[in-house]
Amino acid sequence: MALAGFTENFRQETTRELSVLWTTSLESLSMEAILKGTRRCLSECEFYPTIAVFLEKATGQLERSGQWSD
């Protein structure tokens, strides 16, 4: 469902391989989290989101490695 929305909104083809990759990567998420991530990506992203961006939007957690700290 999310990929169909992304395909339509971002006008980028979703291949079978990409669908399998996304499905396996999102197995641990609840349906509510997937819906949240889909809504946020469709309203906040300018481009087709990566899986990492989707996970951040779906869970509300942001992990940035190598970020500077005070």
N, C-alpha and C. Protein backbone atom coordinates (compact mmCIF):
# COMPACT_ATOMS: atom_id res chain seq x y z
N MET A 1 0.83 -1.18 0.00
CA MET A 1 0.00 0.00 0.00
C MET A 1 0.88 1.26 0.00
N ALA A 2 1.89 1.31 0.88
CA ALA A 2 2.77 2.47 0.96
C ALA A 2 3.50 2.66 -0.37
N LEU A 3 4.01 1.59 -0.92
CA LEU A 3 4.78 1.70 -2.17
C LEU A 3 3.91 2.16 -3.33
N ALA A 4 2.66 1.74 -3.33
CA ALA A 4 1.74 2.19 -4.38
C ALA A 4 1.53 3.70 -4.28
N GLY A 5 1.39 4.19 -3.06
CA GLY A 5 1.25 5.63 -2.85
C GLY A 5 2.50 6.38 -3.26
N PHE A 6 3.67 5.83 -2.94
CA PHE A 6 4.92 6.47 -3.30
C PHE A 6 5.10 6.49 -4.82
N THR A 7 4.75 5.38 -5.47
CA THR A 7 4.87 5.29 -6.92
C THR A 7 4.03 6.36 -7.59
N GLU A 8 2.81 6.52 -7.10
CA GLU A 8 1.90 7.51 -7.67
C GLU A 8 2.36 8.93 -7.35
N ASN A 9 2.71 9.19 -6.11
CA ASN A 9 3.06 10.54 -5.67
C ASN A 9 4.41 11.02 -6.22
N PHE A 10 5.41 10.14 -6.19
CA PHE A 10 6.76 10.54 -6.61
C PHE A 10 7.06 10.16 -8.05
N ARG A 11 6.11 9.54 -8.71
CA ARG A 11 6.23 9.16 -10.13
C ARG A 11 7.52 8.39 -10.42
N GLN A 12 7.74 7.37 -9.58
CA GLN A 12 8.90 6.50 -9.75
C GLN A 12 8.40 5.06 -9.71
N GLU A 13 8.85 4.28 -10.65
CA GLU A 13 8.42 2.88 -10.74
C GLU A 13 8.88 2.09 -9.52
N THR A 14 8.01 1.21 -9.05
CA THR A 14 8.34 0.30 -7.97
C THR A 14 8.51 -1.10 -8.56
N THR A 15 9.73 -1.59 -8.55
CA THR A 15 10.01 -2.91 -9.12
C THR A 15 9.67 -4.02 -8.12
N ARG A 16 9.62 -5.23 -8.60
CA ARG A 16 9.37 -6.38 -7.74
C ARG A 16 10.46 -6.50 -6.68
N GLU A 17 11.71 -6.30 -7.09
CA GLU A 17 12.83 -6.40 -6.16
C GLU A 17 12.73 -5.36 -5.05
N LEU A 18 12.35 -4.15 -5.43
CA LEU A 18 12.18 -3.08 -4.44
C LEU A 18 11.05 -3.42 -3.47
N SER A 19 9.98 -3.98 -3.97
CA SER A 19 8.85 -4.38 -3.12
C SER A 19 9.27 -5.43 -2.10
N VAL A 20 10.05 -6.41 -2.54
CA VAL A 20 10.53 -7.46 -1.64
C VAL A 20 11.45 -6.87 -0.57
N LEU A 21 12.35 -5.98 -0.98
CA LEU A 21 13.27 -5.33 -0.05
C LEU A 21 12.51 -4.54 1.01
N TRP A 22 11.54 -3.75 0.59
CA TRP A 22 10.74 -2.97 1.54
C TRP A 22 9.94 -3.88 2.47
N THR A 23 9.33 -4.91 1.93
CA THR A 23 8.51 -5.83 2.74
C THR A 23 9.35 -6.48 3.83
N THR A 24 10.53 -6.95 3.48
CA THR A 24 11.38 -7.59 4.49
C THR A 24 11.91 -6.58 5.50
N SER A 25 12.19 -5.38 5.05
CA SER A 25 12.73 -4.36 5.95
C SER A 25 11.69 -3.84 6.95
N LEU A 26 10.42 -3.91 6.59
CA LEU A 26 9.37 -3.36 7.45
C LEU A 26 8.60 -4.43 8.24
N GLU A 27 9.08 -5.67 8.20
CA GLU A 27 8.39 -6.78 8.87
C GLU A 27 8.12 -6.52 10.35
N SER A 28 9.04 -5.84 11.01
CA SER A 28 8.92 -5.67 12.46
C SER A 28 7.98 -4.53 12.85
N LEU A 29 7.52 -3.73 11.89
CA LEU A 29 6.65 -2.60 12.19
C LEU A 29 5.19 -3.03 12.29
N SER A 30 4.46 -2.36 13.15
CA SER A 30 3.02 -2.59 13.23
C SER A 30 2.34 -1.90 12.05
N MET A 31 1.09 -2.26 11.81
CA MET A 31 0.34 -1.64 10.72
C MET A 31 0.16 -0.14 11.00
N GLU A 32 -0.01 0.22 12.24
CA GLU A 32 -0.16 1.64 12.61
C GLU A 32 1.11 2.42 12.28
N ALA A 33 2.27 1.84 12.57
CA ALA A 33 3.54 2.49 12.28
C ALA A 33 3.73 2.65 10.77
N ILE A 34 3.36 1.64 10.01
CA ILE A 34 3.48 1.71 8.55
C ILE A 34 2.57 2.80 7.99
N LEU A 35 1.35 2.89 8.51
CA LEU A 35 0.43 3.94 8.07
C LEU A 35 0.97 5.32 8.43
N LYS A 36 1.52 5.45 9.62
CA LYS A 36 2.09 6.72 10.07
C LYS A 36 3.26 7.11 9.16
N GLY A 37 4.16 6.16 8.90
CA GLY A 37 5.30 6.42 8.03
C GLY A 37 4.88 6.81 6.62
N THR A 38 3.88 6.13 6.11
CA THR A 38 3.38 6.43 4.76
C THR A 38 2.82 7.84 4.71
N ARG A 39 1.96 8.18 5.66
CA ARG A 39 1.37 9.52 5.68
C ARG A 39 2.44 10.60 5.79
N ARG A 40 3.40 10.40 6.70
CA ARG A 40 4.44 11.40 6.91
C ARG A 40 5.33 11.54 5.67
N CYS A 41 5.69 10.43 5.06
CA CYS A 41 6.54 10.50 3.86
C CYS A 41 5.82 11.20 2.71
N LEU A 42 4.54 10.90 2.53
CA LEU A 42 3.79 11.52 1.45
C LEU A 42 3.63 13.03 1.66
N SER A 43 3.55 13.46 2.91
CA SER A 43 3.35 14.88 3.16
C SER A 43 4.66 15.65 3.41
N GLU A 44 5.74 14.96 3.80
CA GLU A 44 6.96 15.66 4.18
C GLU A 44 8.15 15.46 3.23
N CYS A 45 8.16 14.39 2.47
CA CYS A 45 9.31 14.09 1.61
C CYS A 45 9.13 14.69 0.22
N GLU A 46 10.23 15.20 -0.33
CA GLU A 46 10.20 15.74 -1.68
C GLU A 46 10.47 14.66 -2.73
N PHE A 47 11.17 13.61 -2.30
CA PHE A 47 11.55 12.54 -3.21
C PHE A 47 11.15 11.20 -2.61
N TYR A 48 11.17 10.15 -3.45
CA TYR A 48 10.87 8.80 -3.01
C TYR A 48 11.75 8.48 -1.80
N PRO A 49 11.16 8.16 -0.65
CA PRO A 49 11.97 7.98 0.56
C PRO A 49 12.78 6.68 0.54
N THR A 50 13.92 6.73 1.21
CA THR A 50 14.68 5.51 1.42
C THR A 50 14.02 4.73 2.56
N ILE A 51 14.41 3.50 2.75
CA ILE A 51 13.87 2.71 3.85
C ILE A 51 14.24 3.35 5.18
N ALA A 52 15.46 3.87 5.29
CA ALA A 52 15.90 4.52 6.53
C ALA A 52 15.03 5.73 6.86
N VAL A 53 14.73 6.53 5.87
CA VAL A 53 13.87 7.71 6.08
C VAL A 53 12.47 7.25 6.48
N PHE A 54 11.96 6.22 5.81
CA PHE A 54 10.63 5.71 6.14
C PHE A 54 10.59 5.23 7.59
N LEU A 55 11.59 4.48 8.00
CA LEU A 55 11.63 3.97 9.37
C LEU A 55 11.65 5.11 10.39
N GLU A 56 12.40 6.16 10.09
CA GLU A 56 12.46 7.33 10.98
C GLU A 56 11.09 7.99 11.08
N LYS A 57 10.41 8.13 9.95
CA LYS A 57 9.08 8.74 9.94
C LYS A 57 8.06 7.85 10.64
N ALA A 58 8.19 6.54 10.48
CA ALA A 58 7.24 5.60 11.05
C ALA A 58 7.38 5.45 12.56
N THR A 59 8.61 5.52 13.04
CA THR A 59 8.84 5.28 14.47
C THR A 59 9.09 6.56 15.24
N GLY A 60 9.35 7.65 14.53
CA GLY A 60 9.62 8.92 15.19
C GLY A 60 11.00 9.00 15.79
N GLN A 61 11.85 8.03 15.46
CA GLN A 61 13.22 8.02 15.97
C GLN A 61 14.16 8.44 14.88
N LEU A 62 15.12 9.25 15.24
CA LEU A 62 16.11 9.70 14.27
C LEU A 62 17.48 9.28 14.77
N GLU A 63 18.15 8.47 13.99
CA GLU A 63 19.51 8.06 14.33
C GLU A 63 20.46 8.62 13.29
N ARG A 64 21.35 9.48 13.74
CA ARG A 64 22.34 10.04 12.81
C ARG A 64 23.72 9.69 13.31
N SER A 65 24.39 8.88 12.55
CA SER A 65 25.75 8.50 12.94
C SER A 65 26.72 9.59 12.51
N GLY A 66 27.75 9.78 13.31
CA GLY A 66 28.77 10.74 12.96
C GLY A 66 28.36 12.19 13.13
N GLN A 67 27.27 12.44 13.82
CA GLN A 67 26.82 13.81 14.01
C GLN A 67 27.65 14.49 15.10
N TRP A 68 27.96 15.74 14.90
CA TRP A 68 28.76 16.51 15.85
C TRP A 68 27.97 16.73 17.12
N SER A 69 28.67 16.73 18.23
CA SER A 69 28.03 17.05 19.51
C SER A 69 28.90 18.01 20.27
N ASP A 70 28.29 18.75 21.17
CA ASP A 70 29.04 19.72 21.98
C ASP A 70 29.73 19.06 23.13
